């Protein structure tokens, strides 16, 4: 079984910034405030913070698949 893959739904994102605040090594915001992955981010190395960011997204724009 493979590890869950992180999915970012930029259409759902409202730009709250919770993800970038909780896991700044993994998430950032573009010029419109929507979530983006930090270039070269190691999601696995920051798994705990990523899980908190996923759980804390107010509109469920982040999820594991």
C-alpha atoms as a PDB file:
ATOM      1  CA  UNK A   1       0.000   0.000   0.000  1.00  0.00           C
ATOM      2  CA  UNK A   2       1.397   3.422  -0.915  1.00  0.00           C
ATOM      3  CA  UNK A   3       1.492   6.426   1.377  1.00  0.00           C
ATOM      4  CA  UNK A   4      -1.437   8.837   1.170  1.00  0.00           C
ATOM      5  CA  UNK A   5      -0.941  11.653  -1.308  1.00  0.00           C
ATOM      6  CA  UNK A   6      -1.540  15.248  -0.269  1.00  0.00           C
ATOM      7  CA  UNK A   7      -4.109  17.064  -2.417  1.00  0.00           C
ATOM      8  CA  UNK A   8      -4.536  20.852  -2.520  1.00  0.00           C
ATOM      9  CA  UNK A   9      -7.854  22.117  -3.875  1.00  0.00           C
ATOM     10  CA  UNK A  10      -6.997  25.649  -4.915  1.00  0.00           C
ATOM     11  CA  UNK A  11     -10.545  26.279  -6.162  1.00  0.00           C
ATOM     12  CA  UNK A  12     -11.900  25.635  -2.661  1.00  0.00           C
ATOM     13  CA  UNK A  13      -9.126  27.527  -0.833  1.00  0.00           C
ATOM     14  CA  UNK A  14     -10.270  30.824   0.700  1.00  0.00           C
ATOM     15  CA  UNK A  15      -6.785  32.008   1.637  1.00  0.00           C
ATOM     16  CA  UNK A  16      -7.158  31.824   5.410  1.00  0.00           C
ATOM     17  CA  UNK A  17      -3.436  31.116   5.732  1.00  0.00           C
ATOM     18  CA  UNK A  18      -3.843  28.514   8.479  1.00  0.00           C
ATOM     19  CA  UNK A  19      -1.822  25.949   6.521  1.00  0.00           C
ATOM     20  CA  UNK A  20       1.086  28.318   5.882  1.00  0.00           C
ATOM     21  CA  UNK A  21       1.108  29.334   9.531  1.00  0.00           C
ATOM     22  CA  UNK A  22       1.029  25.749  10.872  1.00  0.00           C
ATOM     23  CA  UNK A  23       3.377  24.163   8.309  1.00  0.00           C
ATOM     24  CA  UNK A  24       5.410  26.989   6.813  1.00  0.00           C
ATOM     25  CA  UNK A  25       8.067  24.594   5.501  1.00  0.00           C
ATOM     26  CA  UNK A  26       5.422  22.942   3.301  1.00  0.00           C
ATOM     27  CA  UNK A  27       2.699  25.484   2.495  1.00  0.00           C
ATOM     28  CA  UNK A  28       2.751  29.054   1.229  1.00  0.00           C
ATOM     29  CA  UNK A  29       0.250  31.378  -0.418  1.00  0.00           C
ATOM     30  CA  UNK A  30       0.352  32.775  -3.932  1.00  0.00           C
ATOM     31  CA  UNK A  31      -0.379  36.393  -4.869  1.00  0.00           C
ATOM     32  CA  UNK A  32      -4.120  35.655  -4.630  1.00  0.00           C
ATOM     33  CA  UNK A  33      -3.725  34.155  -1.146  1.00  0.00           C
ATOM     34  CA  UNK A  34      -4.407  30.596  -2.275  1.00  0.00           C
ATOM     35  CA  UNK A  35      -2.428  27.646  -0.995  1.00  0.00           C
ATOM     36  CA  UNK A  36       0.676  26.435  -2.823  1.00  0.00           C
ATOM     37  CA  UNK A  37       3.378  23.967  -1.899  1.00  0.00           C
ATOM     38  CA  UNK A  38       6.780  25.372  -1.076  1.00  0.00           C
ATOM     39  CA  UNK A  39       9.128  24.366  -3.901  1.00  0.00           C
ATOM     40  CA  UNK A  40      11.060  21.272  -2.851  1.00  0.00           C
ATOM     41  CA  UNK A  41       9.050  20.807   0.351  1.00  0.00           C
ATOM     42  CA  UNK A  42       9.468  17.429   2.036  1.00  0.00           C
ATOM     43  CA  UNK A  43       5.925  16.627   3.126  1.00  0.00           C
ATOM     44  CA  UNK A  44       6.976  13.401   4.876  1.00  0.00           C
ATOM     45  CA  UNK A  45       9.604  15.197   6.961  1.00  0.00           C
ATOM     46  CA  UNK A  46       6.921  17.556   8.250  1.00  0.00           C
ATOM     47  CA  UNK A  47       4.111  15.017   8.525  1.00  0.00           C
ATOM     48  CA  UNK A  48       2.877  16.155  11.940  1.00  0.00           C
ATOM     49  CA  UNK A  49       2.567  19.794  10.887  1.00  0.00           C
ATOM     50  CA  UNK A  50       0.944  18.812   7.583  1.00  0.00           C
ATOM     51  CA  UNK A  51      -1.649  16.703   9.389  1.00  0.00           C
ATOM     52  CA  UNK A  52      -2.451  19.649  11.663  1.00  0.00           C
ATOM     53  CA  UNK A  53      -2.770  21.930   8.625  1.00  0.00           C
ATOM     54  CA  UNK A  54      -5.086  19.479   6.867  1.00  0.00           C
ATOM     55  CA  UNK A  55      -7.251  19.146   9.988  1.00  0.00           C
ATOM     56  CA  UNK A  56      -7.277  22.917  10.514  1.00  0.00           C
ATOM     57  CA  UNK A  57      -8.271  23.993   7.019  1.00  0.00           C
ATOM     58  CA  UNK A  58     -11.631  25.754   7.471  1.00  0.00           C
ATOM     59  CA  UNK A  59     -12.921  24.712   4.038  1.00  0.00           C
ATOM     60  CA  UNK A  60     -11.233  21.294   3.619  1.00  0.00           C
ATOM     61  CA  UNK A  61      -9.110  22.513   0.724  1.00  0.00           C
ATOM     62  CA  UNK A  62      -6.362  20.148   1.911  1.00  0.00           C
ATOM     63  CA  UNK A  63      -6.802  16.407   2.136  1.00  0.00           C
ATOM     64  CA  UNK A  64      -5.028  13.099   1.850  1.00  0.00           C
ATOM     65  CA  UNK A  65      -6.013  10.730  -0.961  1.00  0.00           C
END
